[in-house]
Structures are given as C-alpha cells and as structure tokens.
Amino acid sequence: MNKDDTACNDPDDCAAKLAKTAVNLKLIPSVTGKPQIAELVAFEMTNITVKGFWRGRARLHLVPHVNAPVADLPVRRIVEGQHIIADLSLPYGRVVHDYLA
C-alpha cells in the first residue's frame, strides 16, 4: 500500500476513506484476570462531514507503556502525516470473531 491509498485529496475522498470498515480487537478481563471478552469487532462510521484535512511533514511521539509496547517498534522514516477534522457517527459494531466461543 502506498501513501496515496490512504491519503485524502478532497473532502469527499476523506469521507469515503473514513467510511471504510475498521476492525478492533476488544479484550476485557474478568475480575479474576482471565479473559471475559475477546472479540474481533468491525464497524463503519456514518454521517461523515469533513470539516478540514491537512497532509504534510510530521513528527511522531510514541510513549512507552507496559500494556501497549508500540513505542518499541523501530521507526525508520516518517513519510507524511495527516490530520482530519470531521463530524461523524459511530454506530454499534458487529462481532466478526469471538475468540472465547
């Protein structure tokens, strides 16, 4: 995937890309620490009104965290940054896969 596959060029283009299906991993432990919910959840944003969007040079600031070791990933080069301001609705998602079922 090159940067033009995800970058916005106009407001309608931004809205179409924001409306694509997104997937999250939902992990919620029980009080005993064992997994109570472990689901792959898909959702699509709706009622999208793009108010502004910018592309250009960017900096990256990753904060080390024990539960999300993203800051440990090697970053070789930052190609571009994007910032989008939009009004949108996030309706209920759907379970794509339940890992505990």
PDB file of N, CA and C in Angstrom:
ATOM      1  N   MET A   1       0.848  -1.163   0.000  1.00  0.00           N
ATOM      2  CA  MET A   1       0.000   0.000   0.000  1.00  0.00           C
ATOM      3  C   MET A   1       0.899   1.234   0.000  1.00  0.00           C
ATOM      4  N   ASN A   2       0.674   2.119  -0.924  1.00  0.00           N
ATOM      5  CA  ASN A   2       1.455   3.344  -0.913  1.00  0.00           C
ATOM      6  C   ASN A   2       0.673   4.445  -0.210  1.00  0.00           C
ATOM      7  N   LYS A   3       1.336   5.570   0.051  1.00  0.00           N
ATOM      8  CA  LYS A   3       0.710   6.623   0.839  1.00  0.00           C
ATOM      9  C   LYS A   3      -0.528   7.211   0.182  1.00  0.00           C
ATOM     10  N   ASP A   4      -0.641   7.173  -1.133  1.00  0.00           N
ATOM     11  CA  ASP A   4      -1.811   7.715  -1.804  1.00  0.00           C
ATOM     12  C   ASP A   4      -3.048   6.841  -1.632  1.00  0.00           C
ATOM     13  N   ASP A   5      -2.869   5.581  -1.205  1.00  0.00           N
ATOM     14  CA  ASP A   5      -4.015   4.717  -0.950  1.00  0.00           C
ATOM     15  C   ASP A   5      -4.790   5.163   0.285  1.00  0.00           C
ATOM     16  N   THR A   6      -4.110   5.806   1.237  1.00  0.00           N
ATOM     17  CA  THR A   6      -4.759   6.200   2.474  1.00  0.00           C
ATOM     18  C   THR A   6      -4.882   7.708   2.632  1.00  0.00           C
ATOM     19  N   ALA A   7      -4.191   8.498   1.832  1.00  0.00           N
ATOM     20  CA  ALA A   7      -4.204   9.949   1.981  1.00  0.00           C
ATOM     21  C   ALA A   7      -5.459  10.549   1.353  1.00  0.00           C
ATOM     22  N   CYS A   8      -5.935  11.641   1.930  1.00  0.00           N
ATOM     23  CA  CYS A   8      -7.098  12.357   1.411  1.00  0.00           C
ATOM     24  C   CYS A   8      -6.653  13.427   0.430  1.00  0.00           C
ATOM     25  N   ASN A   9      -7.405  13.571  -0.649  1.00  0.00           N
ATOM     26  CA  ASN A   9      -7.129  14.616  -1.634  1.00  0.00           C
ATOM     27  C   ASN A   9      -8.232  15.661  -1.705  1.00  0.00           C
ATOM     28  N   ASP A  10      -9.439  15.320  -1.242  1.00  0.00           N
ATOM     29  CA  ASP A  10     -10.547  16.269  -1.181  1.00  0.00           C
ATOM     30  C   ASP A  10     -11.522  15.781  -0.102  1.00  0.00           C
ATOM     31  N   PRO A  11     -12.478  16.623   0.328  1.00  0.00           N
ATOM     32  CA  PRO A  11     -13.378  16.236   1.419  1.00  0.00           C
ATOM     33  C   PRO A  11     -14.176  14.958   1.149  1.00  0.00           C
ATOM     34  N   ASP A  12     -14.662  14.784  -0.081  1.00  0.00           N
ATOM     35  CA  ASP A  12     -15.424  13.570  -0.398  1.00  0.00           C
ATOM     36  C   ASP A  12     -14.548  12.331  -0.329  1.00  0.00           C
ATOM     37  N   ASP A  13     -13.303  12.467  -0.771  1.00  0.00           N
ATOM     38  CA  ASP A  13     -12.332  11.373  -0.705  1.00  0.00           C
ATOM     39  C   ASP A  13     -12.072  11.005   0.756  1.00  0.00           C
ATOM     40  N   CYS A  14     -11.899  12.008   1.626  1.00  0.00           N
ATOM     41  CA  CYS A  14     -11.685  11.762   3.060  1.00  0.00           C
ATOM     42  C   CYS A  14     -12.879  11.036   3.660  1.00  0.00           C
ATOM     43  N   ALA A  15     -14.087  11.500   3.353  1.00  0.00           N
ATOM     44  CA  ALA A  15     -15.297  10.884   3.904  1.00  0.00           C
ATOM     45  C   ALA A  15     -15.412   9.427   3.460  1.00  0.00           C
ATOM     46  N   ALA A  16     -15.116   9.144   2.199  1.00  0.00           N
ATOM     47  CA  ALA A  16     -15.191   7.769   1.695  1.00  0.00           C
ATOM     48  C   ALA A  16     -14.189   6.875   2.407  1.00  0.00           C
ATOM     49  N   LYS A  17     -13.000   7.390   2.672  1.00  0.00           N
ATOM     50  CA  LYS A  17     -11.980   6.580   3.346  1.00  0.00           C
ATOM     51  C   LYS A  17     -12.303   6.383   4.822  1.00  0.00           C
ATOM     52  N   LEU A  18     -12.896   7.386   5.465  1.00  0.00           N
ATOM     53  CA  LEU A  18     -13.315   7.229   6.855  1.00  0.00           C
ATOM     54  C   LEU A  18     -14.479   6.247   6.985  1.00  0.00           C
ATOM     55  N   ALA A  19     -15.286   6.109   5.930  1.00  0.00           N
ATOM     56  CA  ALA A  19     -16.454   5.227   5.968  1.00  0.00           C
ATOM     57  C   ALA A  19     -16.102   3.758   5.763  1.00  0.00           C
ATOM     58  N   LYS A  20     -14.861   3.459   5.403  1.00  0.00           N
ATOM     59  CA  LYS A  20     -14.473   2.058   5.196  1.00  0.00           C
ATOM     60  C   LYS A  20     -14.532   1.280   6.507  1.00  0.00           C
ATOM     61  N   THR A  21     -14.730  -0.012   6.406  1.00  0.00           N
ATOM     62  CA  THR A  21     -14.799  -0.866   7.586  1.00  0.00           C
ATOM     63  C   THR A  21     -13.481  -0.845   8.352  1.00  0.00           C
ATOM     64  N   ALA A  22     -13.584  -0.624   9.661  1.00  0.00           N
ATOM     65  CA  ALA A  22     -12.428  -0.670  10.553  1.00  0.00           C
ATOM     66  C   ALA A  22     -12.625  -1.843  11.512  1.00  0.00           C
ATOM     67  N   VAL A  23     -11.536  -2.396  12.015  1.00  0.00           N
ATOM     68  CA  VAL A  23     -11.605  -3.565  12.887  1.00  0.00           C
ATOM     69  C   VAL A  23     -10.787  -3.291  14.150  1.00  0.00           C
ATOM     70  N   ASN A  24     -11.357  -3.641  15.303  1.00  0.00           N
ATOM     71  CA  ASN A  24     -10.679  -3.520  16.588  1.00  0.00           C
ATOM     72  C   ASN A  24     -10.694  -4.850  17.303  1.00  0.00           C
ATOM     73  N   LEU A  25      -9.674  -5.094  18.095  1.00  0.00           N
ATOM     74  CA  LEU A  25      -9.641  -6.253  18.974  1.00  0.00           C
ATOM     75  C   LEU A  25     -10.088  -5.789  20.348  1.00  0.00           C
ATOM     76  N   LYS A  26     -11.166  -6.360  20.833  1.00  0.00           N
ATOM     77  CA  LYS A  26     -11.756  -5.964  22.111  1.00  0.00           C
ATOM     78  C   LYS A  26     -11.411  -7.034  23.141  1.00  0.00           C
ATOM     79  N   LEU A  27     -10.555  -6.674  24.108  1.00  0.00           N
ATOM     80  CA  LEU A  27     -10.149  -7.594  25.173  1.00  0.00           C
ATOM     81  C   LEU A  27     -10.548  -6.999  26.513  1.00  0.00           C
ATOM     82  N   ILE A  28     -11.421  -7.697  27.243  1.00  0.00           N
ATOM     83  CA  ILE A  28     -11.854  -7.242  28.562  1.00  0.00           C
ATOM     84  C   ILE A  28     -11.699  -8.407  29.530  1.00  0.00           C
ATOM     85  N   PRO A  29     -10.854  -8.235  30.558  1.00  0.00           N
ATOM     86  CA  PRO A  29     -10.668  -9.310  31.533  1.00  0.00           C
ATOM     87  C   PRO A  29     -11.791  -9.309  32.573  1.00  0.00           C
ATOM     88  N   SER A  30     -12.000 -10.472  33.201  1.00  0.00           N
ATOM     89  CA  SER A  30     -12.935 -10.550  34.323  1.00  0.00           C
ATOM     90  C   SER A  30     -12.195 -10.112  35.582  1.00  0.00           C
ATOM     91  N   VAL A  31     -12.862 -10.118  36.720  1.00  0.00           N
ATOM     92  CA  VAL A  31     -12.221  -9.695  37.966  1.00  0.00           C
ATOM     93  C   VAL A  31     -11.111 -10.648  38.400  1.00  0.00           C
ATOM     94  N   THR A  32     -11.099 -11.857  37.852  1.00  0.00           N
ATOM     95  CA  THR A  32     -10.044 -12.816  38.181  1.00  0.00           C
ATOM     96  C   THR A  32      -8.806 -12.629  37.321  1.00  0.00           C
ATOM     97  N   GLY A  33      -8.904 -11.777  36.296  1.00  0.00           N
ATOM     98  CA  GLY A  33      -7.784 -11.544  35.396  1.00  0.00           C
ATOM     99  C   GLY A  33      -7.836 -12.388  34.139  1.00  0.00           C
ATOM    100  N   LYS A  34      -8.697 -13.397  34.125  1.00  0.00           N
ATOM    101  CA  LYS A  34      -8.849 -14.217  32.920  1.00  0.00           C
ATOM    102  C   LYS A  34      -9.724 -13.462  31.921  1.00  0.00           C
ATOM    103  N   PRO A  35      -9.562 -13.764  30.625  1.00  0.00           N
ATOM    104  CA  PRO A  35     -10.371 -13.053  29.623  1.00  0.00           C
ATOM    105  C   PRO A  35     -11.863 -13.332  29.792  1.00  0.00           C
ATOM    106  N   GLN A  36     -12.657 -12.280  29.791  1.00  0.00           N
ATOM    107  CA  GLN A  36     -14.106 -12.427  29.826  1.00  0.00           C
ATOM    108  C   GLN A  36     -14.681 -12.149  28.442  1.00  0.00           C
ATOM    109  N   ILE A  37     -14.090 -11.184  27.746  1.00  0.00           N
ATOM    110  CA  ILE A  37     -14.479 -10.861  26.376  1.00  0.00           C
ATOM    111  C   ILE A  37     -13.215 -10.781  25.532  1.00  0.00           C
ATOM    112  N   ALA A  38     -13.214 -11.479  24.429  1.00  0.00           N
ATOM    113  CA  ALA A  38     -12.109 -11.426  23.465  1.00  0.00           C
ATOM    114  C   ALA A  38     -12.736 -11.537  22.080  1.00  0.00           C
ATOM    115  N   GLU A  39     -12.997 -10.381  21.485  1.00  0.00           N
ATOM    116  CA  GLU A  39     -13.715 -10.346  20.214  1.00  0.00           C
ATOM    117  C   GLU A  39     -12.994  -9.477  19.197  1.00  0.00           C
ATOM    118  N   LEU A  40     -13.122  -9.860  17.949  1.00  0.00           N
ATOM    119  CA  LEU A  40     -12.715  -9.018  16.833  1.00  0.00           C
ATOM    120  C   LEU A  40     -13.994  -8.322  16.370  1.00  0.00           C
ATOM    121  N   VAL A  41     -14.008  -6.987  16.427  1.00  0.00           N
ATOM    122  CA  VAL A  41     -15.215  -6.211  16.163  1.00  0.00           C
ATOM    123  C   VAL A  41     -15.000  -5.306  14.949  1.00  0.00           C
ATOM    124  N   ALA A  42     -15.957  -5.303  14.019  1.00  0.00           N
ATOM    125  CA  ALA A  42     -15.898  -4.451  12.827  1.00  0.00           C
ATOM    126  C   ALA A  42     -16.962  -3.358  12.950  1.00  0.00           C
ATOM    127  N   PHE A  43     -16.648  -2.176  12.406  1.00  0.00           N
ATOM    128  CA  PHE A  43     -17.609  -1.081  12.422  1.00  0.00           C
ATOM    129  C   PHE A  43     -17.345  -0.154  11.244  1.00  0.00           C
ATOM    130  N   GLU A  44     -18.373   0.594  10.870  1.00  0.00           N
ATOM    131  CA  GLU A  44     -18.274   1.585   9.808  1.00  0.00           C
ATOM    132  C   GLU A  44     -18.821   2.906  10.336  1.00  0.00           C
ATOM    133  N   MET A  45     -18.049   3.971  10.202  1.00  0.00           N
ATOM    134  CA  MET A  45     -18.514   5.298  10.603  1.00  0.00           C
ATOM    135  C   MET A  45     -19.527   5.794   9.580  1.00  0.00           C
ATOM    136  N   THR A  46     -20.535   6.562  10.052  1.00  0.00           N
ATOM    137  CA  THR A  46     -21.594   7.068   9.174  1.00  0.00           C
ATOM    138  C   THR A  46     -21.790   8.566   9.413  1.00  0.00           C
ATOM    139  N   ASN A  47     -22.642   9.188   8.630  1.00  0.00           N
ATOM    140  CA  ASN A  47     -22.973  10.618   8.760  1.00  0.00           C
ATOM    141  C   ASN A  47     -21.705  11.473   8.824  1.00  0.00           C
ATOM    142  N   ILE A  48     -20.792  11.249   7.899  1.00  0.00           N
ATOM    143  CA  ILE A  48     -19.484  11.902   7.926  1.00  0.00           C
ATOM    144  C   ILE A  48     -19.539  13.240   7.194  1.00  0.00           C
ATOM    145  N   THR A  49     -19.134  14.292   7.904  1.00  0.00           N
ATOM    146  CA  THR A  49     -18.978  15.618   7.317  1.00  0.00           C
ATOM    147  C   THR A  49     -17.552  16.070   7.602  1.00  0.00           C
ATOM    148  N   VAL A  50     -16.734  16.122   6.567  1.00  0.00           N
ATOM    149  CA  VAL A  50     -15.337  16.526   6.737  1.00  0.00           C
ATOM    150  C   VAL A  50     -15.288  18.054   6.829  1.00  0.00           C
ATOM    151  N   LYS A  51     -14.698  18.549   7.924  1.00  0.00           N
ATOM    152  CA  LYS A  51     -14.592  19.997   8.162  1.00  0.00           C
ATOM    153  C   LYS A  51     -13.249  20.540   7.688  1.00  0.00           C
ATOM    154  N   GLY A  52     -12.226  19.695   7.708  1.00  0.00           N
ATOM    155  CA  GLY A  52     -10.903  20.114   7.272  1.00  0.00           C
ATOM    156  C   GLY A  52      -9.960  18.931   7.225  1.00  0.00           C
ATOM    157  N   PHE A  53      -8.935  19.016   6.376  1.00  0.00           N
ATOM    158  CA  PHE A  53      -7.932  17.949   6.300  1.00  0.00           C
ATOM    159  C   PHE A  53      -6.621  18.544   5.815  1.00  0.00           C
ATOM    160  N   TRP A  54      -5.546  18.020   6.364  1.00  0.00           N
ATOM    161  CA  TRP A  54      -4.214  18.506   6.031  1.00  0.00           C
ATOM    162  C   TRP A  54      -3.274  17.333   5.865  1.00  0.00           C
ATOM    163  N   ARG A  55      -2.329  17.458   4.967  1.00  0.00           N
ATOM    164  CA  ARG A  55      -1.267  16.482   4.747  1.00  0.00           C
ATOM    165  C   ARG A  55       0.046  17.231   4.727  1.00  0.00           C
ATOM    166  N   GLY A  56       1.089  16.581   5.209  1.00  0.00           N
ATOM    167  CA  GLY A  56       2.388  17.233   5.150  1.00  0.00           C
ATOM    168  C   GLY A  56       3.403  16.586   6.066  1.00  0.00           C
ATOM    169  N   ARG A  57       4.465  17.316   6.315  1.00  0.00           N
ATOM    170  CA  ARG A  57       5.515  16.819   7.185  1.00  0.00           C
ATOM    171  C   ARG A  57       4.954  16.549   8.574  1.00  0.00           C
ATOM    172  N   ALA A  58       5.538  15.582   9.268  1.00  0.00           N
ATOM    173  CA  ALA A  58       5.008  15.205  10.575  1.00  0.00           C
ATOM    174  C   ALA A  58       6.128  14.729  11.488  1.00  0.00           C
ATOM    175  N   ARG A  59       5.816  14.742  12.773  1.00  0.00           N
ATOM    176  CA  ARG A  59       6.694  14.165  13.780  1.00  0.00           C
ATOM    177  C   ARG A  59       5.914  13.076  14.489  1.00  0.00           C
ATOM    178  N   LEU A  60       6.615  12.127  15.065  1.00  0.00           N
ATOM    179  CA  LEU A  60       5.987  11.009  15.753  1.00  0.00           C
ATOM    180  C   LEU A  60       6.487  10.967  17.181  1.00  0.00           C
ATOM    181  N   HIS A  61       5.553  10.896  18.137  1.00  0.00           N
ATOM    182  CA  HIS A  61       5.909  10.814  19.547  1.00  0.00           C
ATOM    183  C   HIS A  61       5.220   9.583  20.120  1.00  0.00           C
ATOM    184  N   LEU A  62       5.974   8.543  20.410  1.00  0.00           N
ATOM    185  CA  LEU A  62       5.434   7.314  20.977  1.00  0.00           C
ATOM    186  C   LEU A  62       5.855   7.223  22.439  1.00  0.00           C
ATOM    187  N   VAL A  63       4.890   7.040  23.328  1.00  0.00           N
ATOM    188  CA  VAL A  63       5.153   6.980  24.759  1.00  0.00           C
ATOM    189  C   VAL A  63       5.205   5.509  25.196  1.00  0.00           C
ATOM    190  N   PRO A  64       6.294   5.082  25.839  1.00  0.00           N
ATOM    191  CA  PRO A  64       6.374   3.693  26.303  1.00  0.00           C
ATOM    192  C   PRO A  64       5.263   3.376  27.310  1.00  0.00           C
ATOM    193  N   HIS A  65       4.656   2.196  27.151  1.00  0.00           N
ATOM    194  CA  HIS A  65       3.590   1.758  28.049  1.00  0.00           C
ATOM    195  C   HIS A  65       3.646   0.243  28.142  1.00  0.00           C
ATOM    196  N   VAL A  66       3.509  -0.285  29.340  1.00  0.00           N
ATOM    197  CA  VAL A  66       3.647  -1.723  29.544  1.00  0.00           C
ATOM    198  C   VAL A  66       2.578  -2.537  28.798  1.00  0.00           C
ATOM    199  N   ASN A  67       1.367  -1.991  28.663  1.00  0.00           N
ATOM    200  CA  ASN A  67       0.285  -2.726  28.006  1.00  0.00           C
ATOM    201  C   ASN A  67       0.186  -2.468  26.507  1.00  0.00           C
ATOM    202  N   ALA A  68       0.940  -1.529  26.001  1.00  0.00           N
ATOM    203  CA  ALA A  68       0.915  -1.216  24.574  1.00  0.00           C
ATOM    204  C   ALA A  68       2.335  -0.849  24.142  1.00  0.00           C
ATOM    205  N   PRO A  69       3.175  -1.846  23.860  1.00  0.00           N
ATOM    206  CA  PRO A  69       4.585  -1.575  23.562  1.00  0.00           C
ATOM    207  C   PRO A  69       4.843  -1.052  22.149  1.00  0.00           C
ATOM    208  N   VAL A  70       3.974  -0.176  21.663  1.00  0.00           N
ATOM    209  CA  VAL A  70       4.124   0.387  20.323  1.00  0.00           C
ATOM    210  C   VAL A  70       5.406   1.207  20.224  1.00  0.00           C
ATOM    211  N   ALA A  71       5.792   1.859  21.330  1.00  0.00           N
ATOM    212  CA  ALA A  71       6.993   2.696  21.319  1.00  0.00           C
ATOM    213  C   ALA A  71       8.260   1.885  21.066  1.00  0.00           C
ATOM    214  N   ASP A  72       8.191   0.573  21.235  1.00  0.00           N
ATOM    215  CA  ASP A  72       9.352  -0.288  20.993  1.00  0.00           C
ATOM    216  C   ASP A  72       9.553  -0.612  19.519  1.00  0.00           C
ATOM    217  N   LEU A  73       8.564  -0.303  18.684  1.00  0.00           N
ATOM    218  CA  LEU A  73       8.689  -0.597  17.256  1.00  0.00           C
ATOM    219  C   LEU A  73       9.743   0.307  16.623  1.00  0.00           C
ATOM    220  N   PRO A  74      10.557  -0.239  15.745  1.00  0.00           N
ATOM    221  CA  PRO A  74      11.565   0.605  15.098  1.00  0.00           C
ATOM    222  C   PRO A  74      10.916   1.478  14.015  1.00  0.00           C
ATOM    223  N   VAL A  75      11.124   2.775  14.110  1.00  0.00           N
ATOM    224  CA  VAL A  75      10.613   3.707  13.107  1.00  0.00           C
ATOM    225  C   VAL A  75      11.806   4.165  12.287  1.00  0.00           C
ATOM    226  N   ARG A  76      11.833   3.787  11.028  1.00  0.00           N
ATOM    227  CA  ARG A  76      12.962   4.122  10.165  1.00  0.00           C
ATOM    228  C   ARG A  76      12.811   5.495   9.530  1.00  0.00           C
ATOM    229  N   ARG A  77      11.573   5.827   9.149  1.00  0.00           N
ATOM    230  CA  ARG A  77      11.355   7.080   8.433  1.00  0.00           C
ATOM    231  C   ARG A  77       9.877   7.437   8.510  1.00  0.00           C
ATOM    232  N   ILE A  78       9.589   8.693   8.687  1.00  0.00           N
ATOM    233  CA  ILE A  78       8.207   9.170   8.657  1.00  0.00           C
ATOM    234  C   ILE A  78       7.982   9.796   7.294  1.00  0.00           C
ATOM    235  N   VAL A  79       7.038   9.255   6.558  1.00  0.00           N
ATOM    236  CA  VAL A  79       6.801   9.703   5.189  1.00  0.00           C
ATOM    237  C   VAL A  79       5.923  10.941   5.169  1.00  0.00           C
ATOM    238  N   GLU A  80       4.820  10.921   5.932  1.00  0.00           N
ATOM    239  CA  GLU A  80       3.867  12.006   5.880  1.00  0.00           C
ATOM    240  C   GLU A  80       2.907  11.880   7.050  1.00  0.00           C
ATOM    241  N   GLY A  81       2.296  12.979   7.409  1.00  0.00           N
ATOM    242  CA  GLY A  81       1.265  12.975   8.430  1.00  0.00           C
ATOM    243  C   GLY A  81      -0.043  13.484   7.865  1.00  0.00           C
ATOM    244  N   GLN A  82      -1.152  13.063   8.478  1.00  0.00           N
ATOM    245  CA  GLN A  82      -2.473  13.531   8.074  1.00  0.00           C
ATOM    246  C   GLN A  82      -3.246  13.954   9.303  1.00  0.00           C
ATOM    247  N   HIS A  83      -4.066  14.958   9.160  1.00  0.00           N
ATOM    248  CA  HIS A  83      -4.950  15.388  10.236  1.00  0.00           C
ATOM    249  C   HIS A  83      -6.308  15.667   9.602  1.00  0.00           C
ATOM    250  N   ILE A  84      -7.342  15.040  10.138  1.00  0.00           N
ATOM    251  CA  ILE A  84      -8.691  15.209   9.599  1.00  0.00           C
ATOM    252  C   ILE A  84      -9.603  15.660  10.729  1.00  0.00           C
ATOM    253  N   ILE A  85     -10.388  16.708  10.492  1.00  0.00           N
ATOM    254  CA  ILE A  85     -11.423  17.130  11.427  1.00  0.00           C
ATOM    255  C   ILE A  85     -12.755  16.825  10.763  1.00  0.00           C
ATOM    256  N   ALA A  86     -13.597  16.052  11.455  1.00  0.00           N
ATOM    257  CA  ALA A  86     -14.870  15.649  10.865  1.00  0.00           C
ATOM    258  C   ALA A  86     -15.915  15.424  11.945  1.00  0.00           C
ATOM    259  N   ASP A  87     -17.151  15.666  11.601  1.00  0.00           N
ATOM    260  CA  ASP A  87     -18.287  15.246  12.415  1.00  0.00           C
ATOM    261  C   ASP A  87     -18.701  13.893  11.860  1.00  0.00           C
ATOM    262  N   LEU A  88     -18.960  12.940  12.750  1.00  0.00           N
ATOM    263  CA  LEU A  88     -19.358  11.606  12.292  1.00  0.00           C
ATOM    264  C   LEU A  88     -20.082  10.866  13.391  1.00  0.00           C
ATOM    265  N   SER A  89     -20.729   9.789  13.021  1.00  0.00           N
ATOM    266  CA  SER A  89     -21.403   8.895  13.969  1.00  0.00           C
ATOM    267  C   SER A  89     -20.700   7.548  13.943  1.00  0.00           C
ATOM    268  N   LEU A  90     -20.572   6.962  15.125  1.00  0.00           N
ATOM    269  CA  LEU A  90     -20.001   5.624  15.236  1.00  0.00           C
ATOM    270  C   LEU A  90     -21.094   4.706  15.767  1.00  0.00           C
ATOM    271  N   PRO A  91     -21.812   4.029  14.868  1.00  0.00           N
ATOM    272  CA  PRO A  91     -22.886   3.139  15.316  1.00  0.00           C
ATOM    273  C   PRO A  91     -22.306   1.869  15.947  1.00  0.00           C
ATOM    274  N   TYR A  92     -23.195   1.048  16.495  1.00  0.00           N
ATOM    275  CA  TYR A  92     -22.757  -0.213  17.069  1.00  0.00           C
ATOM    276  C   TYR A  92     -22.021  -1.034  16.020  1.00  0.00           C
ATOM    277  N   GLY A  93     -21.013  -1.773  16.453  1.00  0.00           N
ATOM    278  CA  GLY A  93     -20.276  -2.641  15.558  1.00  0.00           C
ATOM    279  C   GLY A  93     -20.881  -4.018  15.496  1.00  0.00           C
ATOM    280  N   ARG A  94     -20.173  -4.912  14.856  1.00  0.00           N
ATOM    281  CA  ARG A  94     -20.609  -6.306  14.790  1.00  0.00           C
ATOM    282  C   ARG A  94     -19.406  -7.199  15.117  1.00  0.00           C
ATOM    283  N   VAL A  95     -19.683  -8.302  15.775  1.00  0.00           N
ATOM    284  CA  VAL A  95     -18.627  -9.228  16.149  1.00  0.00           C
ATOM    285  C   VAL A  95     -18.252 -10.061  14.926  1.00  0.00           C
ATOM    286  N   VAL A  96     -17.003  -9.958  14.514  1.00  0.00           N
ATOM    287  CA  VAL A  96     -16.504 -10.728  13.387  1.00  0.00           C
ATOM    288  C   VAL A  96     -16.055 -12.108  13.860  1.00  0.00           C
ATOM    289  N   HIS A  97     -15.415 -12.131  15.042  1.00  0.00           N
ATOM    290  CA  HIS A  97     -14.968 -13.409  15.600  1.00  0.00           C
ATOM    291  C   HIS A  97     -14.927 -13.303  17.125  1.00  0.00           C
ATOM    292  N   ASP A  98     -15.480 -14.305  17.799  1.00  0.00           N
ATOM    293  CA  ASP A  98     -15.431 -14.387  19.256  1.00  0.00           C
ATOM    294  C   ASP A  98     -14.410 -15.469  19.616  1.00  0.00           C
ATOM    295  N   TYR A  99     -13.288 -15.049  20.177  1.00  0.00           N
ATOM    296  CA  TYR A  99     -12.205 -15.979  20.473  1.00  0.00           C
ATOM    297  C   TYR A  99     -12.507 -16.906  21.644  1.00  0.00           C
ATOM    298  N   LEU A 100     -13.513 -16.600  22.446  1.00  0.00           N
ATOM    299  CA  LEU A 100     -13.837 -17.437  23.602  1.00  0.00           C
ATOM    300  C   LEU A 100     -15.020 -18.366  23.347  1.00  0.00           C
ATOM    301  N   ALA A 101     -15.652 -18.250  22.184  1.00  0.00           N
ATOM    302  CA  ALA A 101     -16.811 -19.089  21.876  1.00  0.00           C
ATOM    303  C   ALA A 101     -16.388 -20.490  21.486  1.00  0.00           C
TER     304      ALA A 101
END
